[in-house]
Amino acid sequence: MNAQELYKTWANQPNLNESVKHDLNTIKNNPKEINDAFGTNMSFGTAGMRGLIGAGINRMNIYTVRQATEGLASYMDTLNDEEKKRGVAISFDSRYHSEEFAYEAARVLGQHNIKSFVFDDIRPTPELSFAIRHLHTFAGVMITASHNPMQYNGYKIYGEDGGQMPPKASDMITSFVRQAEDVFAIEVADVKELRKQKLLSVIGEDVDAAYLENVKNVNVNHQLIQEVGKYLKFVYTPLHGTGKIICRRALDNVGFKNYSLVKEQAIADPEFPTVDFPNPEFASAFNLAIQLGNQEEADVLIATDPDADRLGAAVRQPDGSYELMTGNQIASVLLDYILTAKQDANDLPANGAVVKSIVSTELATKIANHYGVEMQNVLTGFKYIAEKIKDFEETNENTFLFGFEESFGYLIKPFVRDKDAIQSTVLLAEVAAYYKHKGQTLYDGLQSIYQLYGYHEEKTISKSFEGLEGKSKMDNIMNELRSNPLTEFNGQNVESLEDFDKSTKTNADGSVEKIQLPQANVLKYWLADGTWFAIRPSGTEPKIKFYLGTVDDNQEAVNTKLESYINAVDALIEQLV
């Protein structure tokens, strides 16, 4: 059935959801929109699905949410009774339709006699991860589009360890999702009936209290917080998202009382009216925080994204202005503090390990090595960090100390198995207090790290390729680079090329080594001057990402070097497209 025929099938459905009916009417005279909404199924992979809200098989709506949940429920039907009866925890963020989608998921699960535990209000993604472990459910569902614009929503499935579903289970769920092709044939139970049968429970403060009790253990030096936390000035903003529910309580619990809240952004508003993008990676997201910071003369500004799994920060400069920190810089400051504190307390385990993604800074590797701690690299996606933690626990070969991705995601304590901006907020505030106690700022702390390990700078360049045509362009870029591998870039010889799709590392002398990681559509080049760059199509967004990392002896030199590589990447993209 082609897109136009599918559109008519949907339009002629009896008892159609009103929101979906409205969206169908909106696009009825737009063949391009119809083709994009109905020309292909929404991509459903290991991270679930994410897309524009609207009518169609390539959009987020109650029918595609039911289809995804039918896949999960059908998979759980294959389990033994003991596993199946443990049920599914469900949380949702502040976006349009998030609560509705959460209950649609519960209705599908209930139809399969699977119990669901649904939060009474918006909650962060990391708390959903915690809830799975705390309630011993078999799985979890998070309704969120994370830091995407307001037009998006998403659906993420988590496994029993609180991390995203492992590949084998995820593949089976995907297979079941595709089998549920007729989305209008999926049966759903009545919510009131599910409550009566105790197949749907509402959760909230009971889980909050347990999560917050664990967060108290994230901080390293409680005495420092009691002494300095009273006069450390910082600003916090939840960017209209779930952080408003938990983060303030977490800060208060550990002893931070002197922070200011961006009140306009403490409203859970799906329009995200005060920001262009609710993304703490972007400087514009900090505009209101900067205004408040200037009034309060705050030492640091902290922002969490709408589902509170990512954290961004801006530090006060010597001239009083604020400079946005990169995800790599935040991770490096946190890691250096954790390892320094553990060493000072004679609490650094001999088998300690830090885990980061392959496109994250090598500065963290140098910091870890300085303390005799092993750095383990994994593919992009926090589920791979969660898998490492699980492996550490099962083998006892390593003790997890910290995990991060350059995309503003960090995990300090593994009672959560996804990136956790609540944990990160309370620890970053402590790090700021540590430097405040020394008469310094976070900016000063970062400079001291650079002086010890070299000045590192990284940059992620994202190029959007919307729709079906965009996907084809991204495929062509990767195919071209594999067919004609680069041997030099920006005047520097390629010393090695890692192709994670082929699981090979090819050196300049022609020798080939095996990469011991799962396959992934990623290319990473190591250059003669110590620079690296990687290319990866996003798994959740219509983007291809180019990652750069370089190092030099001083800030001016590394900035100049990075700028030249940014220009070289732009030229490469123009050539490939």
Protein backbone atom coordinates (compact mmCIF):
# COMPACT_ATOMS: atom_id res chain seq x y z
CA MET A 1 0.00 0.00 0.00
CA ASN A 2 1.49 3.37 -0.99
CA ALA A 3 1.48 6.52 1.17
CA GLN A 4 -1.70 8.00 -0.35
CA GLU A 5 -3.61 4.73 0.11
CA LEU A 6 -2.41 4.42 3.70
CA TYR A 7 -3.50 8.00 4.34
CA LYS A 8 -7.01 7.17 3.08
CA THR A 9 -7.11 4.03 5.25
CA TRP A 10 -6.33 6.11 8.32
CA ALA A 11 -8.75 8.89 7.34
CA ASN A 12 -11.59 6.36 6.93
CA GLN A 13 -11.08 4.69 10.31
CA PRO A 14 -14.11 4.85 12.61
CA ASN A 15 -13.63 6.26 16.12
CA LEU A 16 -10.32 7.84 15.15
CA ASN A 17 -8.43 9.69 17.88
CA GLU A 18 -9.38 13.39 17.62
CA SER A 19 -5.81 14.64 17.65
CA VAL A 20 -4.85 12.24 14.85
CA LYS A 21 -7.97 13.21 12.89
CA HIS A 22 -6.98 16.87 13.16
CA ASP A 23 -3.45 16.13 11.92
CA LEU A 24 -4.80 14.16 8.97
CA ASN A 25 -6.94 17.13 7.94
CA THR A 26 -3.94 19.44 8.25
CA ILE A 27 -1.88 17.51 5.69
CA LYS A 28 -4.66 16.31 3.33
CA ASN A 29 -3.62 18.68 0.51
CA ASN A 30 0.13 18.24 0.98
CA PRO A 31 1.45 15.18 -0.93
CA LYS A 32 5.00 15.72 0.40
CA GLU A 33 3.82 15.68 4.02
CA ILE A 34 1.64 12.64 3.35
CA ASN A 35 4.57 10.80 1.81
CA ASP A 36 6.83 11.64 4.74
CA ALA A 37 4.17 10.63 7.30
CA PHE A 38 3.05 7.43 5.55
CA GLY A 39 5.88 6.51 3.17
CA THR A 40 7.84 4.49 5.73
CA ASN A 41 7.45 3.09 9.22
CA MET A 42 8.97 5.03 12.08
CA SER A 43 12.42 3.64 12.79
CA PHE A 44 12.31 1.37 15.83
CA GLY A 45 15.69 0.29 17.13
CA THR A 46 17.68 -0.38 20.28
CA ALA A 47 16.86 3.12 21.61
CA GLY A 48 13.14 2.76 20.81
CA MET A 49 11.72 5.44 18.56
CA ARG A 50 11.59 9.22 18.33
CA GLY A 51 9.89 11.47 15.83
CA LEU A 52 7.49 14.26 15.04
CA ILE A 53 4.09 14.16 16.73
CA GLY A 54 1.32 13.68 14.18
CA ALA A 55 -0.75 11.25 12.12
CA GLY A 56 0.93 8.45 10.19
CA ILE A 57 3.10 5.37 10.54
CA ASN A 58 6.21 7.60 10.59
CA ARG A 59 4.91 9.83 13.38
CA MET A 60 4.44 9.67 17.16
CA ASN A 61 0.74 9.11 17.92
CA ILE A 62 -1.34 6.78 20.06
CA TYR A 63 -1.38 4.14 17.31
CA THR A 64 2.40 3.94 16.82
CA VAL A 65 2.77 3.95 20.63
CA ARG A 66 0.33 1.04 20.81
CA GLN A 67 2.28 -0.74 18.07
CA ALA A 68 5.57 -0.32 19.95
CA THR A 69 4.00 -1.53 23.17
CA GLU A 70 2.38 -4.48 21.41
CA GLY A 71 5.91 -5.48 20.41
CA LEU A 72 7.08 -5.27 24.03
CA ALA A 73 3.99 -7.12 25.30
CA SER A 74 4.32 -9.88 22.69
CA TYR A 75 7.95 -10.34 23.71
CA MET A 76 6.95 -10.55 27.38
CA ASP A 77 4.34 -13.15 26.46
CA THR A 78 7.27 -15.45 25.58
CA LEU A 79 8.72 -15.16 29.11
CA ASN A 80 8.05 -17.46 32.03
CA ASP A 81 5.26 -16.46 34.43
CA GLU A 82 7.68 -15.24 37.09
CA GLU A 83 9.35 -12.77 34.73
CA LYS A 84 6.16 -11.60 33.07
CA LYS A 85 4.31 -10.86 36.31
CA ARG A 86 7.04 -8.43 37.41
CA GLY A 87 5.54 -5.95 34.97
CA VAL A 88 6.73 -2.66 33.44
CA ALA A 89 7.51 0.75 34.97
CA ILE A 90 6.34 3.73 32.89
CA SER A 91 7.33 7.39 33.11
CA PHE A 92 6.81 10.44 30.93
CA ASP A 93 8.10 13.97 30.43
CA SER A 94 6.40 17.35 29.99
CA ARG A 95 5.81 17.16 26.23
CA TYR A 96 2.52 17.19 24.38
CA HIS A 97 0.74 13.80 24.64
CA SER A 98 3.40 12.29 26.94
CA GLU A 99 0.97 11.32 29.70
CA GLU A 100 -1.55 10.10 27.11
CA PHE A 101 1.10 7.93 25.45
CA ALA A 102 2.15 6.53 28.86
CA TYR A 103 -1.39 5.39 29.59
CA GLU A 104 -1.84 3.98 26.07
CA ALA A 105 1.23 1.84 26.74
CA ALA A 106 -0.28 0.69 30.05
CA ARG A 107 -3.56 -0.17 28.30
CA VAL A 108 -1.81 -2.40 25.74
CA LEU A 109 0.24 -4.12 28.45
CA GLY A 110 -2.89 -4.66 30.55
CA GLN A 111 -4.63 -6.31 27.62
CA HIS A 112 -1.80 -8.87 27.75
CA ASN A 113 -2.30 -9.31 31.51
CA ILE A 114 0.97 -7.46 32.17
CA LYS A 115 1.06 -5.11 35.16
CA SER A 116 2.28 -1.54 34.75
CA PHE A 117 3.52 0.98 37.31
CA VAL A 118 2.84 4.50 36.00
CA PHE A 119 4.21 7.65 37.63
CA ASP A 120 1.59 10.08 38.91
CA ASP A 121 3.27 13.01 37.13
CA ILE A 122 6.27 13.85 34.99
CA ARG A 123 9.54 12.27 36.17
CA PRO A 124 13.13 12.22 34.84
CA THR A 125 14.46 9.42 32.66
CA PRO A 126 17.08 8.46 35.29
CA GLU A 127 14.35 8.01 37.89
CA LEU A 128 12.56 5.63 35.51
CA SER A 129 15.80 3.66 35.25
CA PHE A 130 16.00 3.63 39.05
CA ALA A 131 12.32 2.63 39.41
CA ILE A 132 12.86 -0.50 37.30
CA ARG A 133 15.59 -1.65 39.67
CA HIS A 134 13.78 -0.49 42.81
CA LEU A 135 10.47 -2.18 41.92
CA HIS A 136 12.16 -5.17 40.26
CA THR A 137 10.07 -4.81 37.13
CA PHE A 138 11.07 -6.72 34.02
CA ALA A 139 11.14 -3.64 31.80
CA GLY A 140 10.52 0.09 31.64
CA VAL A 141 9.08 2.58 29.17
CA MET A 142 10.01 6.26 29.06
CA ILE A 143 7.91 8.63 26.98
CA THR A 144 10.28 11.44 26.02
CA ALA A 145 12.03 13.13 23.14
CA SER A 146 14.77 14.28 25.49
CA HIS A 147 16.19 17.61 24.26
CA ASN A 148 14.45 17.70 20.86
CA PRO A 149 12.20 20.65 19.87
CA MET A 150 8.58 20.80 21.03
CA GLN A 151 7.23 19.11 17.86
CA TYR A 152 8.82 15.77 18.86
CA ASN A 153 8.11 12.94 21.25
CA GLY A 154 9.63 9.50 21.73
CA TYR A 155 9.39 6.04 23.28
CA LYS A 156 12.32 4.30 24.98
CA ILE A 157 12.36 0.72 26.30
CA TYR A 158 14.54 -0.31 29.24
CA GLY A 159 15.55 -3.75 30.47
CA GLU A 160 15.45 -5.22 33.95
CA ASP A 161 18.87 -3.83 34.91
CA GLY A 162 17.62 -0.27 34.28
CA GLY A 163 19.65 0.10 31.09
CA GLN A 164 18.20 0.08 27.60
CA MET A 165 17.17 -3.35 26.36
CA PRO A 166 20.12 -5.60 25.33
CA PRO A 167 20.45 -6.32 21.58
CA LYS A 168 18.92 -9.82 21.57
CA ALA A 169 15.76 -8.75 23.42
CA SER A 170 15.60 -5.50 21.47
CA ASP A 171 15.77 -7.36 18.16
CA MET A 172 12.95 -9.65 19.23
CA ILE A 173 10.82 -6.68 20.30
CA THR A 174 11.50 -4.97 16.97
CA SER A 175 10.41 -8.13 15.16
CA PHE A 176 7.16 -8.23 17.16
CA VAL A 177 6.59 -4.52 16.49
CA ARG A 178 6.79 -5.12 12.75
CA GLN A 179 4.36 -8.06 13.03
CA ALA A 180 1.78 -5.71 14.58
CA GLU A 181 1.34 -4.06 11.19
CA ASP A 182 -2.35 -3.23 11.54
CA VAL A 183 -2.16 -0.60 14.25
CA PHE A 184 -5.94 -0.32 14.44
CA ALA A 185 -6.31 -4.00 15.31
CA ILE A 186 -4.26 -3.70 18.52
CA GLU A 187 -6.55 -4.17 21.50
CA VAL A 188 -6.35 -1.99 24.58
CA ALA A 189 -7.84 -2.42 28.05
CA ASP A 190 -9.86 0.14 29.99
CA VAL A 191 -7.81 2.06 32.58
CA LYS A 192 -10.48 1.84 35.30
CA GLU A 193 -10.79 -1.89 34.75
CA LEU A 194 -7.01 -2.28 34.95
CA ARG A 195 -6.97 -0.37 38.25
CA LYS A 196 -9.74 -2.62 39.58
CA GLN A 197 -7.79 -5.75 38.55
CA LYS A 198 -4.58 -4.27 40.03
CA LEU A 199 -2.92 -4.44 36.63
CA LEU A 200 -2.15 -0.72 36.77
CA SER A 201 -0.58 0.95 39.81
CA VAL A 202 0.23 4.63 40.21
CA ILE A 203 3.62 5.37 41.74
CA GLY A 204 5.27 8.59 42.86
CA GLU A 205 6.57 9.74 46.23
CA ASP A 206 7.42 6.18 47.28
CA VAL A 207 9.93 5.94 44.43
CA ASP A 208 11.02 9.58 44.76
CA ALA A 209 12.06 9.09 48.38
CA ALA A 210 14.08 5.97 47.61
CA TYR A 211 15.79 7.61 44.62
CA LEU A 212 16.65 10.75 46.60
CA GLU A 213 18.09 8.66 49.43
CA ASN A 214 20.50 7.12 46.90
CA VAL A 215 21.37 10.53 45.46
CA LYS A 216 22.69 11.55 48.90
CA ASN A 217 25.54 9.06 48.39
CA VAL A 218 26.70 10.75 45.18
CA ASN A 219 28.48 13.56 47.01
CA VAL A 220 32.02 12.95 48.18
CA ASN A 221 32.72 15.54 50.89
CA HIS A 222 29.61 16.32 52.92
CA GLN A 223 31.54 18.45 55.39
CA LEU A 224 32.70 20.68 52.53
CA ILE A 225 29.08 21.14 51.41
CA GLN A 226 27.98 22.05 54.93
CA GLU A 227 30.76 24.64 55.16
CA VAL A 228 30.73 26.10 51.64
CA GLY A 229 27.26 25.20 50.39
CA LYS A 230 25.82 28.02 52.47
CA TYR A 231 27.58 30.73 50.46
CA LEU A 232 28.18 29.08 47.07
CA LYS A 233 25.94 30.94 44.65
CA PHE A 234 24.64 29.11 41.61
CA VAL A 235 21.62 29.13 39.34
CA TYR A 236 19.57 26.09 38.32
CA THR A 237 17.06 25.76 35.48
CA PRO A 238 15.07 22.65 34.49
CA LEU A 239 14.25 24.15 31.05
CA HIS A 240 10.50 23.52 31.48
CA GLY A 241 11.09 19.84 32.14
CA THR A 242 11.13 17.05 34.71
CA GLY A 243 14.07 18.38 36.72
CA LYS A 244 11.65 20.70 38.53
CA ILE A 245 10.17 17.68 40.32
CA ILE A 246 13.30 16.13 41.79
CA CYS A 247 16.42 18.25 41.35
CA ARG A 248 15.59 20.96 43.88
CA ARG A 249 14.82 18.32 46.51
CA ALA A 250 18.12 16.57 45.74
CA LEU A 251 20.06 19.82 46.18
CA ASP A 252 18.26 20.70 49.42
CA ASN A 253 18.77 17.18 50.80
CA VAL A 254 22.55 17.30 50.46
CA GLY A 255 22.88 20.81 51.88
CA PHE A 256 22.82 23.31 49.01
CA LYS A 257 20.51 26.12 50.08
CA ASN A 258 21.89 29.24 48.41
CA TYR A 259 20.98 28.59 44.79
CA SER A 260 18.50 30.49 42.65
CA LEU A 261 15.88 28.93 40.38
CA VAL A 262 14.99 30.32 36.96
CA LYS A 263 11.29 30.55 37.82
CA GLU A 264 10.07 31.11 34.24
CA GLN A 265 11.68 27.78 33.24
CA ALA A 266 10.46 25.89 36.32
CA ILE A 267 7.05 25.66 34.65
CA ALA A 268 6.56 22.30 32.91
CA ASP A 269 5.43 23.75 29.60
CA PRO A 270 5.40 21.60 26.42
CA GLU A 271 5.80 24.75 24.31
CA PHE A 272 9.22 25.45 25.88
CA PRO A 273 8.33 29.14 25.40
CA THR A 274 11.54 30.71 26.73
CA VAL A 275 14.01 28.78 24.56
CA ASP A 276 14.48 28.05 20.86
CA PHE A 277 15.61 24.53 21.79
CA PRO A 278 15.32 22.97 25.27
CA ASN A 279 18.88 21.72 24.99
CA PRO A 280 21.60 22.60 27.53
CA GLU A 281 24.21 22.06 24.82
CA PHE A 282 23.11 25.39 23.28
CA ALA A 283 24.21 28.74 24.68
CA SER A 284 20.76 30.25 23.94
CA ALA A 285 19.19 27.89 26.50
CA PHE A 286 21.13 29.81 29.19
CA ASN A 287 19.89 33.33 28.33
CA LEU A 288 17.56 33.61 31.31
CA ALA A 289 20.01 31.82 33.61
CA ILE A 290 22.70 34.33 32.62
CA GLN A 291 20.41 37.25 33.43
CA LEU A 292 19.70 35.78 36.87
CA GLY A 293 23.34 34.82 37.32
CA ASN A 294 24.42 38.40 36.71
CA GLN A 295 21.93 39.66 39.29
CA GLU A 296 23.08 37.11 41.86
CA GLU A 297 26.78 37.11 40.88
CA ALA A 298 26.46 33.33 40.68
CA ASP A 299 29.59 31.19 40.44
CA VAL A 300 28.03 28.66 38.05
CA LEU A 301 24.84 28.14 36.03
CA ILE A 302 23.39 24.61 35.70
CA ALA A 303 20.68 23.46 33.27
CA THR A 304 19.05 20.07 32.81
CA ASP A 305 17.19 19.06 29.66
CA PRO A 306 13.43 18.23 29.67
CA ASP A 307 13.83 14.59 30.77
CA ALA A 308 16.75 15.46 33.09
CA ASP A 309 19.25 12.98 31.74
CA ARG A 310 21.58 15.65 30.27
CA LEU A 311 23.28 18.50 32.13
CA GLY A 312 24.89 21.64 30.79
CA ALA A 313 26.76 24.36 32.70
CA ALA A 314 28.20 27.83 32.28
CA VAL A 315 31.05 29.11 34.45
CA ARG A 316 31.79 32.63 35.62
CA GLN A 317 34.85 34.13 33.94
CA PRO A 318 37.35 36.52 35.55
CA ASP A 319 35.59 39.45 33.79
CA GLY A 320 32.21 38.41 35.24
CA SER A 321 30.81 36.97 32.01
CA TYR A 322 29.67 33.35 31.65
CA GLU A 323 31.18 30.77 29.33
CA LEU A 324 29.37 27.59 28.38
CA MET A 325 31.26 24.41 29.23
CA THR A 326 31.26 21.53 26.78
CA GLY A 327 30.08 18.08 27.81
CA ASN A 328 33.68 16.90 27.63
CA GLN A 329 34.85 19.69 29.94
CA ILE A 330 32.11 18.99 32.49
CA ALA A 331 32.96 15.27 32.43
CA SER A 332 36.68 15.99 32.85
CA VAL A 333 36.11 18.30 35.84
CA LEU A 334 33.79 15.75 37.50
CA LEU A 335 36.18 12.87 36.85
CA ASP A 336 39.23 14.74 38.12
CA TYR A 337 37.37 15.64 41.31
CA ILE A 338 36.12 12.08 41.91
CA LEU A 339 39.54 10.50 41.44
CA THR A 340 41.38 13.18 43.45
CA ALA A 341 38.94 12.80 46.34
CA LYS A 342 39.12 9.01 46.28
CA GLN A 343 42.91 9.06 46.21
CA ASP A 344 43.05 11.57 49.08
CA ALA A 345 40.70 9.36 51.09
CA ASN A 346 42.77 6.27 50.22
CA ASP A 347 39.59 4.89 48.64
CA LEU A 348 40.73 4.40 45.04
CA PRO A 349 40.16 0.76 44.07
CA ALA A 350 42.99 -1.08 42.37
CA ASN A 351 40.59 -2.30 39.67
CA GLY A 352 38.82 1.03 39.13
CA ALA A 353 37.48 1.76 35.66
CA VAL A 354 35.95 4.71 33.85
CA VAL A 355 33.78 4.16 30.77
CA LYS A 356 33.28 6.65 27.94
CA SER A 357 32.05 6.62 24.37
CA ILE A 358 34.49 6.41 21.46
CA VAL A 359 33.68 9.99 20.42
CA SER A 360 34.37 11.55 23.83
CA THR A 361 37.47 13.45 24.92
CA GLU A 362 40.87 11.84 25.34
CA LEU A 363 41.53 14.30 28.19
CA ALA A 364 39.50 11.97 30.41
CA THR A 365 41.77 9.08 29.38
CA LYS A 366 44.82 11.05 30.50
CA ILE A 367 43.17 11.92 33.82
CA ALA A 368 42.21 8.28 34.45
CA ASN A 369 45.68 7.02 33.54
CA HIS A 370 47.28 9.58 35.89
CA TYR A 371 45.44 7.94 38.78
CA GLY A 372 46.15 4.41 37.59
CA VAL A 373 42.53 3.93 36.56
CA GLU A 374 41.59 2.02 33.42
CA MET A 375 39.65 3.79 30.66
CA GLN A 376 37.27 1.58 28.70
CA ASN A 377 35.74 2.85 25.46
CA VAL A 378 32.32 1.81 24.18
CA LEU A 379 30.09 2.72 21.26
CA THR A 380 27.88 5.81 21.42
CA GLY A 381 24.74 5.13 23.43
CA PHE A 382 24.56 4.97 27.21
CA LYS A 383 23.24 1.41 27.05
CA TYR A 384 26.80 0.33 26.29
CA ILE A 385 28.02 1.98 29.49
CA ALA A 386 25.18 0.21 31.35
CA GLU A 387 26.29 -3.09 29.82
CA LYS A 388 29.83 -2.49 31.09
CA ILE A 389 28.56 -1.82 34.61
CA LYS A 390 26.57 -5.05 34.52
CA ASP A 391 29.65 -6.91 33.28
CA PHE A 392 31.77 -5.39 36.08
CA GLU A 393 29.26 -6.60 38.67
CA GLU A 394 29.10 -10.11 37.23
CA THR A 395 32.85 -10.63 36.79
CA ASN A 396 34.23 -8.41 39.60
CA GLU A 397 37.07 -7.56 37.22
CA ASN A 398 36.49 -3.81 37.55
CA THR A 399 34.87 -1.29 39.88
CA PHE A 400 32.82 1.36 38.12
CA LEU A 401 33.90 4.90 39.01
CA PHE A 402 32.34 7.14 36.36
CA GLY A 403 30.77 6.98 32.91
CA PHE A 404 30.05 9.66 30.34
CA GLU A 405 29.32 10.68 26.78
CA GLU A 406 30.38 13.96 25.21
CA SER A 407 26.71 14.74 24.54
CA PHE A 408 26.28 16.08 28.10
CA GLY A 409 25.48 12.73 29.73
CA TYR A 410 27.20 11.50 32.92
CA LEU A 411 26.69 8.80 35.55
CA ILE A 412 28.39 8.80 38.94
CA LYS A 413 26.69 6.02 40.92
CA PRO A 414 25.21 2.95 39.21
CA PHE A 415 21.92 2.79 41.12
CA VAL A 416 20.79 4.28 37.79
CA ARG A 417 21.82 2.71 34.48
CA ASP A 418 21.41 5.71 32.21
CA LYS A 419 22.85 9.19 32.19
CA ASP A 420 21.62 11.10 35.21
CA ALA A 421 21.52 14.89 35.33
CA ILE A 422 20.21 14.87 38.92
CA GLN A 423 23.29 13.04 40.18
CA SER A 424 25.46 15.27 38.01
CA THR A 425 23.89 18.47 39.34
CA VAL A 426 24.57 17.68 42.99
CA LEU A 427 28.15 16.62 42.24
CA LEU A 428 28.92 19.57 39.97
CA ALA A 429 27.67 21.90 42.72
CA GLU A 430 30.08 20.17 45.10
CA VAL A 431 32.97 20.59 42.65
CA ALA A 432 32.11 24.30 42.39
CA ALA A 433 32.09 24.47 46.22
CA TYR A 434 35.51 22.76 46.28
CA TYR A 435 37.05 25.40 44.04
CA LYS A 436 35.19 28.17 45.88
CA HIS A 437 36.80 26.95 49.10
CA LYS A 438 40.19 27.32 47.36
CA GLY A 439 39.31 30.85 46.23
CA GLN A 440 38.84 29.66 42.65
CA THR A 441 36.04 29.03 40.15
CA LEU A 442 35.19 26.04 37.99
CA TYR A 443 36.88 27.91 35.16
CA ASP A 444 40.10 28.06 37.21
CA GLY A 445 39.79 24.35 37.94
CA LEU A 446 39.48 23.53 34.26
CA GLN A 447 42.55 25.62 33.47
CA SER A 448 44.61 23.74 36.06
CA ILE A 449 43.57 20.43 34.48
CA TYR A 450 44.63 21.72 31.05
CA GLN A 451 47.99 22.85 32.40
CA LEU A 452 48.63 19.36 33.70
CA TYR A 453 47.38 17.26 30.77
CA GLY A 454 47.44 19.58 27.73
CA TYR A 455 44.81 21.88 26.27
CA HIS A 456 42.09 19.74 24.71
CA GLU A 457 39.26 21.03 22.56
CA GLU A 458 36.47 19.10 20.88
CA LYS A 459 33.68 19.99 18.53
CA THR A 460 30.60 18.14 17.28
CA ILE A 461 29.26 19.27 13.91
CA SER A 462 25.73 18.07 13.12
CA LYS A 463 24.28 18.19 9.64
CA SER A 464 20.55 17.59 9.23
CA PHE A 465 19.14 15.47 6.41
CA GLU A 466 15.36 15.41 6.73
CA GLY A 467 12.96 12.85 5.27
CA LEU A 468 13.52 9.82 3.05
CA GLU A 469 15.82 11.76 0.73
CA GLY A 470 17.96 12.77 3.70
CA LYS A 471 18.48 9.17 4.78
CA SER A 472 19.70 8.33 1.28
CA LYS A 473 22.20 11.20 1.40
CA MET A 474 23.57 10.02 4.76
CA ASP A 475 23.98 6.49 3.40
CA ASN A 476 25.82 7.85 0.36
CA ILE A 477 28.25 9.82 2.54
CA MET A 478 29.22 6.74 4.57
CA ASN A 479 29.45 4.54 1.47
CA GLU A 480 31.72 7.05 -0.28
CA LEU A 481 34.09 7.27 2.70
CA ARG A 482 34.31 3.50 2.89
CA SER A 483 34.83 3.11 -0.87
CA ASN A 484 37.53 5.79 -0.95
CA PRO A 485 39.17 5.94 2.50
CA LEU A 486 40.92 9.18 3.44
CA THR A 487 44.70 8.87 3.68
CA GLU A 488 45.23 12.49 4.70
CA PHE A 489 43.10 15.20 6.23
CA ASN A 490 43.80 18.88 6.79
CA GLY A 491 47.44 18.33 5.84
CA GLN A 492 47.93 15.49 8.34
CA ASN A 493 48.48 11.84 7.47
CA VAL A 494 45.90 9.32 8.67
CA GLU A 495 47.76 7.02 11.06
CA SER A 496 44.83 4.66 11.52
CA LEU A 497 41.20 4.25 10.52
CA GLU A 498 38.70 2.47 12.76
CA ASP A 499 35.67 1.15 10.90
CA PHE A 500 33.26 -0.04 13.54
CA ASP A 501 30.91 -1.50 10.95
CA LYS A 502 33.67 -3.87 9.82
CA SER A 503 35.14 -4.14 13.35
CA THR A 504 38.58 -3.32 11.98
CA LYS A 505 41.37 -0.84 12.67
CA THR A 506 43.55 -0.28 9.60
CA ASN A 507 46.95 1.30 10.24
CA ALA A 508 48.97 3.44 7.82
CA ASP A 509 51.36 0.52 7.15
CA GLY A 510 48.41 -1.59 5.98
CA SER A 511 48.23 -3.81 9.05
CA VAL A 512 44.74 -4.60 10.31
CA GLU A 513 43.61 -5.14 13.90
CA LYS A 514 40.28 -6.44 15.21
CA ILE A 515 38.03 -4.06 17.18
CA GLN A 516 36.38 -5.83 20.11
CA LEU A 517 33.14 -3.86 20.07
CA PRO A 518 29.72 -4.48 18.50
CA GLN A 519 29.23 -3.38 14.92
CA ALA A 520 28.17 0.22 14.36
CA ASN A 521 28.02 2.60 11.42
CA VAL A 522 30.94 4.74 12.61
CA LEU A 523 34.30 5.73 11.11
CA LYS A 524 37.07 7.17 13.31
CA TYR A 525 40.35 8.60 12.02
CA TRP A 526 43.51 9.12 14.08
CA LEU A 527 45.88 11.72 12.62
CA ALA A 528 49.62 12.33 12.90
CA ASP A 529 49.30 15.47 15.07
CA GLY A 530 47.24 13.73 17.77
CA THR A 531 43.92 14.90 16.37
CA TRP A 532 41.06 12.44 15.85
CA PHE A 533 37.76 12.80 14.07
CA ALA A 534 34.77 10.50 13.73
CA ILE A 535 31.68 10.33 11.55
CA ARG A 536 28.42 8.79 12.75
CA PRO A 537 24.83 8.98 11.49
CA SER A 538 22.52 9.53 14.46
CA GLY A 539 20.35 6.59 15.49
CA THR A 540 17.49 8.78 16.74
CA GLU A 541 17.58 11.96 14.64
CA PRO A 542 17.87 12.75 10.89
CA LYS A 543 21.45 13.94 11.34
CA ILE A 544 24.98 12.87 10.55
CA LYS A 545 27.51 13.91 13.17
CA PHE A 546 31.17 14.78 12.72
CA TYR A 547 33.20 14.69 15.95
CA LEU A 548 36.58 16.41 16.32
CA GLY A 549 39.14 16.21 19.12
CA THR A 550 42.53 17.90 19.20
CA VAL A 551 45.22 18.95 21.69
CA ASP A 552 48.03 21.50 21.94
CA ASP A 553 50.30 23.28 24.43
CA ASN A 554 48.16 26.36 25.06
CA GLN A 555 44.62 27.64 24.57
CA GLU A 556 45.38 29.88 21.59
CA ALA A 557 47.20 27.13 19.71
CA VAL A 558 44.49 24.52 20.27
CA ASN A 559 41.75 26.98 19.29
CA THR A 560 43.56 27.76 16.03
CA LYS A 561 44.07 24.08 15.33
CA LEU A 562 40.45 23.23 16.03
CA GLU A 563 39.21 26.04 13.78
CA SER A 564 41.31 24.73 10.89
CA TYR A 565 39.81 21.26 11.37
CA ILE A 566 36.27 22.65 11.52
CA ASN A 567 36.88 24.32 8.15
CA ALA A 568 38.32 21.06 6.79
CA VAL A 569 35.21 19.13 7.92
CA ASP A 570 32.94 21.72 6.26
CA ALA A 571 34.90 21.33 3.03
CA LEU A 572 34.67 17.54 3.27
CA ILE A 573 30.90 17.65 3.80
CA GLU A 574 30.47 19.97 0.82
CA GLN A 575 32.53 17.61 -1.31
CA LEU A 576 30.59 14.51 -0.19
CA VAL A 577 27.10 16.02 -0.50
